[in-house]
């Protein structure tokens, strides 16, 4: 099992989760985060830390595309291990549906 970041993180990018991760498996894109599924140790400490409820276990239904999404971008983006301010759009975008198709940017973030 692994945990994955889903589309509710897009345009929010809260980073509370990265500070509690014991293995530094979060990677930063321009407007979202991802978890490297091979580095995640399935501890689950990140899931309750996410204000946007964007982190889910891969055992939930329909998570396979998100595992691949997280794998793809974690291999392209820089690691992030420290909390940063969320995006200015975080509050208004939290809970908006269809963010992957409308707002996702494949560009990397700054990382640490």
PDB file of N, CA and C in Angstrom:
ATOM      1  N   UNK A   1       0.834  -1.179   0.000  1.00  0.00           N
ATOM      2  CA  UNK A   1       0.000   0.000   0.000  1.00  0.00           C
ATOM      3  C   UNK A   1       0.881   1.246   0.000  1.00  0.00           C
ATOM      4  N   UNK A   2       0.357   2.295  -0.579  1.00  0.00           N
ATOM      5  CA  UNK A   2       1.005   3.602  -0.560  1.00  0.00           C
ATOM      6  C   UNK A   2      -0.071   4.670  -0.432  1.00  0.00           C
ATOM      7  N   UNK A   3       0.335   5.854  -0.141  1.00  0.00           N
ATOM      8  CA  UNK A   3      -0.568   6.995  -0.138  1.00  0.00           C
ATOM      9  C   UNK A   3      -0.291   7.827  -1.375  1.00  0.00           C
ATOM     10  N   UNK A   4      -1.327   8.492  -1.879  1.00  0.00           N
ATOM     11  CA  UNK A   4      -1.184   9.320  -3.070  1.00  0.00           C
ATOM     12  C   UNK A   4      -1.887  10.650  -2.861  1.00  0.00           C
ATOM     13  N   UNK A   5      -1.409  11.654  -3.580  1.00  0.00           N
ATOM     14  CA  UNK A   5      -2.046  12.958  -3.590  1.00  0.00           C
ATOM     15  C   UNK A   5      -3.026  12.976  -4.757  1.00  0.00           C
ATOM     16  N   UNK A   6      -4.230  13.450  -4.514  1.00  0.00           N
ATOM     17  CA  UNK A   6      -5.265  13.510  -5.549  1.00  0.00           C
ATOM     18  C   UNK A   6      -5.486  14.959  -5.992  1.00  0.00           C
ATOM     19  N   UNK A   7      -6.453  15.164  -6.885  1.00  0.00           N
ATOM     20  CA  UNK A   7      -6.612  16.480  -7.500  1.00  0.00           C
ATOM     21  C   UNK A   7      -7.071  17.582  -6.564  1.00  0.00           C
ATOM     22  N   UNK A   8      -7.519  17.272  -5.370  1.00  0.00           N
ATOM     23  CA  UNK A   8      -7.920  18.361  -4.478  1.00  0.00           C
ATOM     24  C   UNK A   8      -6.727  19.188  -4.013  1.00  0.00           C
ATOM     25  N   UNK A   9      -5.516  18.684  -4.188  1.00  0.00           N
ATOM     26  CA  UNK A   9      -4.321  19.453  -3.835  1.00  0.00           C
ATOM     27  C   UNK A   9      -4.035  20.545  -4.872  1.00  0.00           C
ATOM     28  N   UNK A  10      -4.454  20.320  -6.102  1.00  0.00           N
ATOM     29  CA  UNK A  10      -4.168  21.262  -7.180  1.00  0.00           C
ATOM     30  C   UNK A  10      -4.770  22.636  -6.863  1.00  0.00           C
ATOM     31  N   UNK A  11      -3.955  23.660  -6.991  1.00  0.00           N
ATOM     32  CA  UNK A  11      -4.308  25.057  -6.736  1.00  0.00           C
ATOM     33  C   UNK A  11      -4.467  25.360  -5.243  1.00  0.00           C
ATOM     34  N   UNK A  12      -4.192  24.385  -4.382  1.00  0.00           N
ATOM     35  CA  UNK A  12      -4.180  24.611  -2.939  1.00  0.00           C
ATOM     36  C   UNK A  12      -2.735  24.511  -2.449  1.00  0.00           C
ATOM     37  N   UNK A  13      -2.164  23.337  -2.625  1.00  0.00           N
ATOM     38  CA  UNK A  13      -0.776  23.024  -2.269  1.00  0.00           C
ATOM     39  C   UNK A  13      -0.449  23.374  -0.817  1.00  0.00           C
ATOM     40  N   UNK A  14      -1.281  22.863   0.074  1.00  0.00           N
ATOM     41  CA  UNK A  14      -0.928  22.934   1.492  1.00  0.00           C
ATOM     42  C   UNK A  14       0.265  22.011   1.692  1.00  0.00           C
ATOM     43  N   UNK A  15       1.185  22.382   2.545  1.00  0.00           N
ATOM     44  CA  UNK A  15       2.380  21.559   2.730  1.00  0.00           C
ATOM     45  C   UNK A  15       2.537  21.049   4.160  1.00  0.00           C
ATOM     46  N   UNK A  16       1.462  21.031   4.908  1.00  0.00           N
ATOM     47  CA  UNK A  16       1.495  20.497   6.269  1.00  0.00           C
ATOM     48  C   UNK A  16       2.001  19.058   6.267  1.00  0.00           C
ATOM     49  N   UNK A  17       1.654  18.327   5.225  1.00  0.00           N
ATOM     50  CA  UNK A  17       1.993  16.908   5.101  1.00  0.00           C
ATOM     51  C   UNK A  17       3.492  16.651   4.988  1.00  0.00           C
ATOM     52  N   UNK A  18       4.216  17.546   4.332  1.00  0.00           N
ATOM     53  CA  UNK A  18       5.634  17.272   4.078  1.00  0.00           C
ATOM     54  C   UNK A  18       6.458  17.311   5.358  1.00  0.00           C
ATOM     55  N   UNK A  19       6.038  18.124   6.312  1.00  0.00           N
ATOM     56  CA  UNK A  19       6.796  18.228   7.566  1.00  0.00           C
ATOM     57  C   UNK A  19       6.726  16.969   8.410  1.00  0.00           C
ATOM     58  N   UNK A  20       5.641  16.225   8.307  1.00  0.00           N
ATOM     59  CA  UNK A  20       5.500  15.032   9.142  1.00  0.00           C
ATOM     60  C   UNK A  20       6.002  13.759   8.462  1.00  0.00           C
ATOM     61  N   UNK A  21       6.317  13.828   7.181  1.00  0.00           N
ATOM     62  CA  UNK A  21       6.757  12.641   6.448  1.00  0.00           C
ATOM     63  C   UNK A  21       8.148  12.205   6.920  1.00  0.00           C
ATOM     64  N   UNK A  22       8.276  10.980   7.442  1.00  0.00           N
ATOM     65  CA  UNK A  22       9.567  10.529   7.956  1.00  0.00           C
ATOM     66  C   UNK A  22      10.569  10.125   6.872  1.00  0.00           C
ATOM     67  N   UNK A  23      10.115   9.983   5.633  1.00  0.00           N
ATOM     68  CA  UNK A  23      11.022   9.525   4.570  1.00  0.00           C
ATOM     69  C   UNK A  23      11.170  10.523   3.425  1.00  0.00           C
ATOM     70  N   UNK A  24      10.624  11.705   3.562  1.00  0.00           N
ATOM     71  CA  UNK A  24      10.772  12.764   2.551  1.00  0.00           C
ATOM     72  C   UNK A  24      10.387  12.286   1.155  1.00  0.00           C
ATOM     73  N   UNK A  25       9.179  11.765   1.024  1.00  0.00           N
ATOM     74  CA  UNK A  25       8.731  11.230  -0.270  1.00  0.00           C
ATOM     75  C   UNK A  25       7.768  12.151  -1.006  1.00  0.00           C
ATOM     76  N   UNK A  26       7.683  13.429  -0.585  1.00  0.00           N
ATOM     77  CA  UNK A  26       6.843  14.409  -1.273  1.00  0.00           C
ATOM     78  C   UNK A  26       7.671  15.188  -2.283  1.00  0.00           C
ATOM     79  N   UNK A  27       7.043  15.486  -3.407  1.00  0.00           N
ATOM     80  CA  UNK A  27       7.692  16.236  -4.480  1.00  0.00           C
ATOM     81  C   UNK A  27       6.778  17.382  -4.874  1.00  0.00           C
ATOM     82  N   UNK A  28       7.402  18.517  -5.246  1.00  0.00           N
ATOM     83  CA  UNK A  28       6.643  19.743  -5.450  1.00  0.00           C
ATOM     84  C   UNK A  28       6.552  20.153  -6.911  1.00  0.00           C
ATOM     85  N   UNK A  29       5.307  20.299  -7.354  1.00  0.00           N
ATOM     86  CA  UNK A  29       5.037  20.891  -8.650  1.00  0.00           C
ATOM     87  C   UNK A  29       4.675  22.353  -8.480  1.00  0.00           C
ATOM     88  N   UNK A  30       4.443  23.017  -9.579  1.00  0.00           N
ATOM     89  CA  UNK A  30       4.106  24.434  -9.541  1.00  0.00           C
ATOM     90  C   UNK A  30       2.846  24.700  -8.721  1.00  0.00           C
ATOM     91  N   UNK A  31       1.823  23.820  -8.845  1.00  0.00           N
ATOM     92  CA  UNK A  31       0.581  24.089  -8.110  1.00  0.00           C
ATOM     93  C   UNK A  31      -0.005  22.873  -7.400  1.00  0.00           C
ATOM     94  N   UNK A  32       0.830  21.864  -7.149  1.00  0.00           N
ATOM     95  CA  UNK A  32       0.378  20.690  -6.401  1.00  0.00           C
ATOM     96  C   UNK A  32       1.588  19.923  -5.872  1.00  0.00           C
ATOM     97  N   UNK A  33       1.318  18.930  -5.059  1.00  0.00           N
ATOM     98  CA  UNK A  33       2.345  18.025  -4.551  1.00  0.00           C
ATOM     99  C   UNK A  33       2.025  16.617  -5.023  1.00  0.00           C
ATOM    100  N   UNK A  34       3.018  15.742  -4.981  1.00  0.00           N
ATOM    101  CA  UNK A  34       2.815  14.314  -5.224  1.00  0.00           C
ATOM    102  C   UNK A  34       3.671  13.521  -4.239  1.00  0.00           C
ATOM    103  N   UNK A  35       3.334  12.250  -4.085  1.00  0.00           N
ATOM    104  CA  UNK A  35       4.082  11.317  -3.237  1.00  0.00           C
ATOM    105  C   UNK A  35       4.687  10.260  -4.139  1.00  0.00           C
ATOM    106  N   UNK A  36       5.979   9.971  -3.943  1.00  0.00           N
ATOM    107  CA  UNK A  36       6.589   8.891  -4.719  1.00  0.00           C
ATOM    108  C   UNK A  36       6.109   7.570  -4.127  1.00  0.00           C
ATOM    109  N   UNK A  37       5.348   6.780  -4.901  1.00  0.00           N
ATOM    110  CA  UNK A  37       4.756   5.562  -4.343  1.00  0.00           C
ATOM    111  C   UNK A  37       5.772   4.494  -3.934  1.00  0.00           C
ATOM    112  N   UNK A  38       6.959   4.518  -4.498  1.00  0.00           N
ATOM    113  CA  UNK A  38       7.972   3.529  -4.114  1.00  0.00           C
ATOM    114  C   UNK A  38       8.749   3.957  -2.873  1.00  0.00           C
ATOM    115  N   UNK A  39       8.685   5.228  -2.535  1.00  0.00           N
ATOM    116  CA  UNK A  39       9.395   5.735  -1.355  1.00  0.00           C
ATOM    117  C   UNK A  39       8.493   5.802  -0.129  1.00  0.00           C
ATOM    118  N   UNK A  40       7.193   5.898  -0.336  1.00  0.00           N
ATOM    119  CA  UNK A  40       6.227   5.967   0.759  1.00  0.00           C
ATOM    120  C   UNK A  40       6.285   4.664   1.563  1.00  0.00           C
ATOM    121  N   UNK A  41       6.353   4.802   2.886  1.00  0.00           N
ATOM    122  CA  UNK A  41       6.417   3.609   3.742  1.00  0.00           C
ATOM    123  C   UNK A  41       5.059   3.276   4.359  1.00  0.00           C
ATOM    124  N   UNK A  42       4.011   3.894   3.854  1.00  0.00           N
ATOM    125  CA  UNK A  42       2.648   3.584   4.265  1.00  0.00           C
ATOM    126  C   UNK A  42       2.369   3.870   5.736  1.00  0.00           C
ATOM    127  N   UNK A  43       3.052   4.839   6.302  1.00  0.00           N
ATOM    128  CA  UNK A  43       2.837   5.122   7.723  1.00  0.00           C
ATOM    129  C   UNK A  43       1.525   5.868   7.961  1.00  0.00           C
ATOM    130  N   UNK A  44       1.074   6.651   6.965  1.00  0.00           N
ATOM    131  CA  UNK A  44      -0.204   7.332   7.067  1.00  0.00           C
ATOM    132  C   UNK A  44      -0.217   8.620   7.864  1.00  0.00           C
ATOM    133  N   UNK A  45       0.934   9.085   8.352  1.00  0.00           N
ATOM    134  CA  UNK A  45       0.918  10.302   9.170  1.00  0.00           C
ATOM    135  C   UNK A  45       0.565  11.550   8.359  1.00  0.00           C
ATOM    136  N   UNK A  46       0.757  11.505   7.063  1.00  0.00           N
ATOM    137  CA  UNK A  46       0.468  12.670   6.222  1.00  0.00           C
ATOM    138  C   UNK A  46      -1.026  12.873   5.994  1.00  0.00           C
ATOM    139  N   UNK A  47      -1.774  11.807   5.916  1.00  0.00           N
ATOM    140  CA  UNK A  47      -3.190  11.892   5.536  1.00  0.00           C
ATOM    141  C   UNK A  47      -4.000  12.833   6.427  1.00  0.00           C
ATOM    142  N   UNK A  48      -3.942  12.705   7.754  1.00  0.00           N
ATOM    143  CA  UNK A  48      -4.749  13.609   8.586  1.00  0.00           C
ATOM    144  C   UNK A  48      -4.215  15.042   8.628  1.00  0.00           C
ATOM    145  N   UNK A  49      -2.998  15.271   8.166  1.00  0.00           N
ATOM    146  CA  UNK A  49      -2.415  16.612   8.184  1.00  0.00           C
ATOM    147  C   UNK A  49      -2.890  17.486   7.028  1.00  0.00           C
ATOM    148  N   UNK A  50      -3.474  16.884   6.009  1.00  0.00           N
ATOM    149  CA  UNK A  50      -3.863  17.629   4.810  1.00  0.00           C
ATOM    150  C   UNK A  50      -5.188  18.366   5.022  1.00  0.00           C
ATOM    151  N   UNK A  51      -5.159  19.707   5.051  1.00  0.00           N
ATOM    152  CA  UNK A  51      -6.399  20.471   5.240  1.00  0.00           C
ATOM    153  C   UNK A  51      -7.401  20.288   4.101  1.00  0.00           C
ATOM    154  N   UNK A  52      -6.910  19.923   2.916  1.00  0.00           N
ATOM    155  CA  UNK A  52      -7.792  19.766   1.748  1.00  0.00           C
ATOM    156  C   UNK A  52      -8.262  18.328   1.551  1.00  0.00           C
ATOM    157  N   UNK A  53      -7.872  17.420   2.442  1.00  0.00           N
ATOM    158  CA  UNK A  53      -8.254  16.003   2.328  1.00  0.00           C
ATOM    159  C   UNK A  53      -7.879  15.452   0.947  1.00  0.00           C
ATOM    160  N   UNK A  54      -6.676  15.779   0.502  1.00  0.00           N
ATOM    161  CA  UNK A  54      -6.223  15.376  -0.831  1.00  0.00           C
ATOM    162  C   UNK A  54      -5.342  14.144  -0.827  1.00  0.00           C
ATOM    163  N   UNK A  55      -5.008  13.612   0.336  1.00  0.00           N
ATOM    164  CA  UNK A  55      -4.148  12.435   0.427  1.00  0.00           C
ATOM    165  C   UNK A  55      -5.008  11.229   0.747  1.00  0.00           C
ATOM    166  N   UNK A  56      -4.890  10.210  -0.095  1.00  0.00           N
ATOM    167  CA  UNK A  56      -5.716   9.021   0.051  1.00  0.00           C
ATOM    168  C   UNK A  56      -4.846   7.767  -0.037  1.00  0.00           C
ATOM    169  N   UNK A  57      -5.252   6.684   0.629  1.00  0.00           N
ATOM    170  CA  UNK A  57      -4.542   5.405   0.461  1.00  0.00           C
ATOM    171  C   UNK A  57      -4.879   4.811  -0.903  1.00  0.00           C
ATOM    172  N   UNK A  58      -3.935   4.123  -1.490  1.00  0.00           N
ATOM    173  CA  UNK A  58      -4.171   3.553  -2.822  1.00  0.00           C
ATOM    174  C   UNK A  58      -5.133   2.369  -2.802  1.00  0.00           C
ATOM    175  N   UNK A  59      -5.559   1.972  -1.618  1.00  0.00           N
ATOM    176  CA  UNK A  59      -6.502   0.864  -1.506  1.00  0.00           C
ATOM    177  C   UNK A  59      -7.947   1.303  -1.727  1.00  0.00           C
ATOM    178  N   UNK A  60      -8.180   2.599  -1.785  1.00  0.00           N
ATOM    179  CA  UNK A  60      -9.529   3.093  -2.072  1.00  0.00           C
ATOM    180  C   UNK A  60      -9.851   2.853  -3.550  1.00  0.00           C
ATOM    181  N   UNK A  61     -11.123   2.780  -3.889  1.00  0.00           N
ATOM    182  CA  UNK A  61     -11.508   2.565  -5.293  1.00  0.00           C
ATOM    183  C   UNK A  61     -10.985   3.670  -6.215  1.00  0.00           C
ATOM    184  N   UNK A  62     -10.614   3.278  -7.416  1.00  0.00           N
ATOM    185  CA  UNK A  62     -10.211   4.199  -8.488  1.00  0.00           C
ATOM    186  C   UNK A  62      -8.948   5.003  -8.193  1.00  0.00           C
ATOM    187  N   UNK A  63      -8.047   4.460  -7.408  1.00  0.00           N
ATOM    188  CA  UNK A  63      -6.810   5.172  -7.090  1.00  0.00           C
ATOM    189  C   UNK A  63      -5.657   4.830  -8.040  1.00  0.00           C
ATOM    190  N   UNK A  64      -5.799   3.796  -8.857  1.00  0.00           N
ATOM    191  CA  UNK A  64      -4.695   3.400  -9.745  1.00  0.00           C
ATOM    192  C   UNK A  64      -4.194   4.543 -10.630  1.00  0.00           C
ATOM    193  N   UNK A  65      -5.074   5.333 -11.255  1.00  0.00           N
ATOM    194  CA  UNK A  65      -4.559   6.460 -12.054  1.00  0.00           C
ATOM    195  C   UNK A  65      -3.773   7.468 -11.212  1.00  0.00           C
ATOM    196  N   UNK A  66      -4.175   7.635  -9.960  1.00  0.00           N
ATOM    197  CA  UNK A  66      -3.457   8.576  -9.093  1.00  0.00           C
ATOM    198  C   UNK A  66      -2.102   8.038  -8.677  1.00  0.00           C
ATOM    199  N   UNK A  67      -1.989   6.723  -8.533  1.00  0.00           N
ATOM    200  CA  UNK A  67      -0.671   6.136  -8.237  1.00  0.00           C
ATOM    201  C   UNK A  67       0.279   6.450  -9.385  1.00  0.00           C
ATOM    202  N   UNK A  68      -0.171   6.257 -10.608  1.00  0.00           N
ATOM    203  CA  UNK A  68       0.681   6.526 -11.774  1.00  0.00           C
ATOM    204  C   UNK A  68       0.964   8.014 -11.928  1.00  0.00           C
ATOM    205  N   UNK A  69      -0.026   8.854 -11.665  1.00  0.00           N
ATOM    206  CA  UNK A  69       0.168  10.300 -11.698  1.00  0.00           C
ATOM    207  C   UNK A  69       1.256  10.710 -10.710  1.00  0.00           C
ATOM    208  N   UNK A  70       1.148  10.214  -9.479  1.00  0.00           N
ATOM    209  CA  UNK A  70       2.130  10.532  -8.447  1.00  0.00           C
ATOM    210  C   UNK A  70       3.504  10.008  -8.824  1.00  0.00           C
ATOM    211  N   UNK A  71       3.574   8.804  -9.365  1.00  0.00           N
ATOM    212  CA  UNK A  71       4.856   8.222  -9.777  1.00  0.00           C
ATOM    213  C   UNK A  71       5.501   9.082 -10.873  1.00  0.00           C
ATOM    214  N   UNK A  72       4.733   9.415 -11.874  1.00  0.00           N
ATOM    215  CA  UNK A  72       5.253  10.180 -13.011  1.00  0.00           C
ATOM    216  C   UNK A  72       5.870  11.503 -12.566  1.00  0.00           C
ATOM    217  N   UNK A  73       5.124  12.266 -11.789  1.00  0.00           N
ATOM    218  CA  UNK A  73       5.605  13.595 -11.437  1.00  0.00           C
ATOM    219  C   UNK A  73       6.627  13.585 -10.303  1.00  0.00           C
ATOM    220  N   UNK A  74       6.598  12.587  -9.441  1.00  0.00           N
ATOM    221  CA  UNK A  74       7.623  12.513  -8.396  1.00  0.00           C
ATOM    222  C   UNK A  74       8.994  12.235  -8.998  1.00  0.00           C
ATOM    223  N   UNK A  75       9.022  11.671 -10.185  1.00  0.00           N
ATOM    224  CA  UNK A  75      10.296  11.407 -10.853  1.00  0.00           C
ATOM    225  C   UNK A  75      10.773  12.622 -11.654  1.00  0.00           C
ATOM    226  N   UNK A  76       9.953  13.660 -11.746  1.00  0.00           N
ATOM    227  CA  UNK A  76      10.319  14.851 -12.508  1.00  0.00           C
ATOM    228  C   UNK A  76      10.503  16.100 -11.643  1.00  0.00           C
ATOM    229  N   UNK A  77       9.863  16.139 -10.493  1.00  0.00           N
ATOM    230  CA  UNK A  77       9.842  17.337  -9.669  1.00  0.00           C
ATOM    231  C   UNK A  77      10.823  17.227  -8.499  1.00  0.00           C
ATOM    232  N   UNK A  78      11.202  18.376  -7.898  1.00  0.00           N
ATOM    233  CA  UNK A  78      12.120  18.357  -6.758  1.00  0.00           C
ATOM    234  C   UNK A  78      11.431  17.938  -5.453  1.00  0.00           C
ATOM    235  N   UNK A  79      12.214  17.358  -4.571  1.00  0.00           N
ATOM    236  CA  UNK A  79      11.702  16.945  -3.268  1.00  0.00           C
ATOM    237  C   UNK A  79      11.392  18.188  -2.434  1.00  0.00           C
ATOM    238  N   UNK A  80      10.401  18.065  -1.579  1.00  0.00           N
ATOM    239  CA  UNK A  80      10.046  19.133  -0.635  1.00  0.00           C
ATOM    240  C   UNK A  80       9.932  18.511   0.748  1.00  0.00           C
ATOM    241  N   UNK A  81      10.592  19.114   1.726  1.00  0.00           N
ATOM    242  CA  UNK A  81      10.593  18.565   3.081  1.00  0.00           C
ATOM    243  C   UNK A  81      10.177  19.583   4.137  1.00  0.00           C
ATOM    244  N   UNK A  82       9.996  20.835   3.721  1.00  0.00           N
ATOM    245  CA  UNK A  82       9.643  21.884   4.682  1.00  0.00           C
ATOM    246  C   UNK A  82       8.316  22.534   4.316  1.00  0.00           C
ATOM    247  N   UNK A  83       7.591  22.914   5.337  1.00  0.00           N
ATOM    248  CA  UNK A  83       6.296  23.564   5.139  1.00  0.00           C
ATOM    249  C   UNK A  83       6.485  24.951   4.536  1.00  0.00           C
ATOM    250  N   UNK A  84       5.627  25.259   3.581  1.00  0.00           N
ATOM    251  CA  UNK A  84       5.590  26.577   2.952  1.00  0.00           C
ATOM    252  C   UNK A  84       4.156  27.084   3.037  1.00  0.00           C
ATOM    253  N   UNK A  85       3.969  28.341   2.720  1.00  0.00           N
ATOM    254  CA  UNK A  85       2.616  28.879   2.670  1.00  0.00           C
ATOM    255  C   UNK A  85       1.854  28.214   1.530  1.00  0.00           C
ATOM    256  N   UNK A  86       0.557  27.971   1.716  1.00  0.00           N
ATOM    257  CA  UNK A  86      -0.241  27.422   0.610  1.00  0.00           C
ATOM    258  C   UNK A  86      -0.374  28.467  -0.494  1.00  0.00           C
ATOM    259  N   UNK A  87      -0.875  28.042  -1.630  1.00  0.00           N
ATOM    260  CA  UNK A  87      -1.103  28.977  -2.725  1.00  0.00           C
ATOM    261  C   UNK A  87      -2.170  29.989  -2.320  1.00  0.00           C
ATOM    262  N   UNK A  88      -2.117  31.192  -2.862  1.00  0.00           N
ATOM    263  CA  UNK A  88      -3.126  32.205  -2.521  1.00  0.00           C
ATOM    264  C   UNK A  88      -4.552  31.775  -2.866  1.00  0.00           C
ATOM    265  N   UNK A  89      -4.686  30.822  -3.773  1.00  0.00           N
ATOM    266  CA  UNK A  89      -6.003  30.339  -4.195  1.00  0.00           C
ATOM    267  C   UNK A  89      -6.518  29.188  -3.333  1.00  0.00           C
ATOM    268  N   UNK A  90      -5.771  28.778  -2.330  1.00  0.00           N
ATOM    269  CA  UNK A  90      -6.076  27.564  -1.570  1.00  0.00           C
ATOM    270  C   UNK A  90      -7.494  27.519  -1.011  1.00  0.00           C
ATOM    271  N   UNK A  91      -7.903  28.538  -0.326  1.00  0.00           N
ATOM    272  CA  UNK A  91      -9.225  28.505   0.307  1.00  0.00           C
ATOM    273  C   UNK A  91     -10.348  28.436  -0.719  1.00  0.00           C
ATOM    274  N   UNK A  92     -10.269  29.243  -1.750  1.00  0.00           N
ATOM    275  CA  UNK A  92     -11.349  29.261  -2.743  1.00  0.00           C
ATOM    276  C   UNK A  92     -11.361  28.008  -3.615  1.00  0.00           C
ATOM    277  N   UNK A  93     -10.212  27.346  -3.781  1.00  0.00           N
ATOM    278  CA  UNK A  93     -10.130  26.172  -4.646  1.00  0.00           C
ATOM    279  C   UNK A  93     -10.320  24.855  -3.902  1.00  0.00           C
ATOM    280  N   UNK A  94     -10.275  24.879  -2.594  1.00  0.00           N
ATOM    281  CA  UNK A  94     -10.458  23.661  -1.809  1.00  0.00           C
ATOM    282  C   UNK A  94     -11.853  23.095  -2.065  1.00  0.00           C
ATOM    283  N   UNK A  95     -11.916  21.878  -2.560  1.00  0.00           N
ATOM    284  CA  UNK A  95     -13.189  21.216  -2.808  1.00  0.00           C
ATOM    285  C   UNK A  95     -13.736  21.382  -4.210  1.00  0.00           C
ATOM    286  N   UNK A  96     -13.113  22.227  -5.026  1.00  0.00           N
ATOM    287  CA  UNK A  96     -13.546  22.396  -6.416  1.00  0.00           C
ATOM    288  C   UNK A  96     -13.269  21.090  -7.160  1.00  0.00           C
ATOM    289  N   UNK A  97     -14.192  20.645  -7.974  1.00  0.00           N
ATOM    290  CA  UNK A  97     -14.010  19.397  -8.721  1.00  0.00           C
ATOM    291  C   UNK A  97     -13.419  19.665 -10.101  1.00  0.00           C
ATOM    292  N   UNK A  98     -12.833  18.622 -10.684  1.00  0.00           N
ATOM    293  CA  UNK A  98     -12.299  18.711 -12.035  1.00  0.00           C
ATOM    294  C   UNK A  98     -11.025  19.526 -12.167  1.00  0.00           C
ATOM    295  N   UNK A  99     -10.275  19.666 -11.085  1.00  0.00           N
ATOM    296  CA  UNK A  99      -9.088  20.516 -11.121  1.00  0.00           C
ATOM    297  C   UNK A  99      -7.963  19.950 -11.985  1.00  0.00           C
ATOM    298  N   UNK A 100      -7.885  18.640 -12.114  1.00  0.00           N
ATOM    299  CA  UNK A 100      -6.819  18.060 -12.928  1.00  0.00           C
ATOM    300  C   UNK A 100      -6.911  18.555 -14.366  1.00  0.00           C
ATOM    301  N   UNK A 101      -8.089  18.511 -14.938  1.00  0.00           N
ATOM    302  CA  UNK A 101      -8.266  18.934 -16.327  1.00  0.00           C
ATOM    303  C   UNK A 101      -8.219  20.454 -16.503  1.00  0.00           C
ATOM    304  N   UNK A 102      -8.663  21.181 -15.505  1.00  0.00           N
ATOM    305  CA  UNK A 102      -8.777  22.634 -15.643  1.00  0.00           C
ATOM    306  C   UNK A 102      -7.532  23.413 -15.228  1.00  0.00           C
ATOM    307  N   UNK A 103      -6.829  22.933 -14.183  1.00  0.00           N
ATOM    308  CA  UNK A 103      -5.811  23.779 -13.562  1.00  0.00           C
ATOM    309  C   UNK A 103      -4.426  23.164 -13.402  1.00  0.00           C
ATOM    310  N   UNK A 104      -4.275  21.882 -13.580  1.00  0.00           N
ATOM    311  CA  UNK A 104      -2.993  21.228 -13.314  1.00  0.00           C
ATOM    312  C   UNK A 104      -1.869  21.788 -14.188  1.00  0.00           C
ATOM    313  N   UNK A 105      -0.733  22.042 -13.570  1.00  0.00           N
ATOM    314  CA  UNK A 105       0.476  22.448 -14.288  1.00  0.00           C
ATOM    315  C   UNK A 105       1.533  21.358 -14.125  1.00  0.00           C
ATOM    316  N   UNK A 106       2.127  20.885 -15.219  1.00  0.00           N
ATOM    317  CA  UNK A 106       3.184  19.878 -15.122  1.00  0.00           C
ATOM    318  C   UNK A 106       4.549  20.483 -14.753  1.00  0.00           C
ATOM    319  N   UNK A 107       4.613  21.795 -14.602  1.00  0.00           N
ATOM    320  CA  UNK A 107       5.878  22.450 -14.294  1.00  0.00           C
ATOM    321  C   UNK A 107       6.316  22.138 -12.870  1.00  0.00           C
ATOM    322  N   UNK A 108       7.621  22.011 -12.645  1.00  0.00           N
ATOM    323  CA  UNK A 108       8.114  21.734 -11.294  1.00  0.00           C
ATOM    324  C   UNK A 108       7.978  22.951 -10.392  1.00  0.00           C
ATOM    325  N   UNK A 109       7.938  22.671  -9.103  1.00  0.00           N
ATOM    326  CA  UNK A 109       7.977  23.733  -8.104  1.00  0.00           C
ATOM    327  C   UNK A 109       9.416  24.027  -7.740  1.00  0.00           C
ATOM    328  N   UNK A 110       9.600  24.758  -6.647  1.00  0.00           N
ATOM    329  CA  UNK A 110      10.947  25.149  -6.216  1.00  0.00           C
ATOM    330  C   UNK A 110      11.643  24.063  -5.416  1.00  0.00           C
ATOM    331  N   UNK A 111      10.895  23.211  -4.718  1.00  0.00           N
ATOM    332  CA  UNK A 111      11.520  22.242  -3.818  1.00  0.00           C
ATOM    333  C   UNK A 111      12.128  22.953  -2.633  1.00  0.00           C
ATOM    334  N   UNK A 112      13.005  22.259  -1.932  1.00  0.00           N
ATOM    335  CA  UNK A 112      13.643  22.866  -0.750  1.00  0.00           C
ATOM    336  C   UNK A 112      14.749  23.815  -1.127  1.00  0.00           C
TER     337      UNK A 112
END
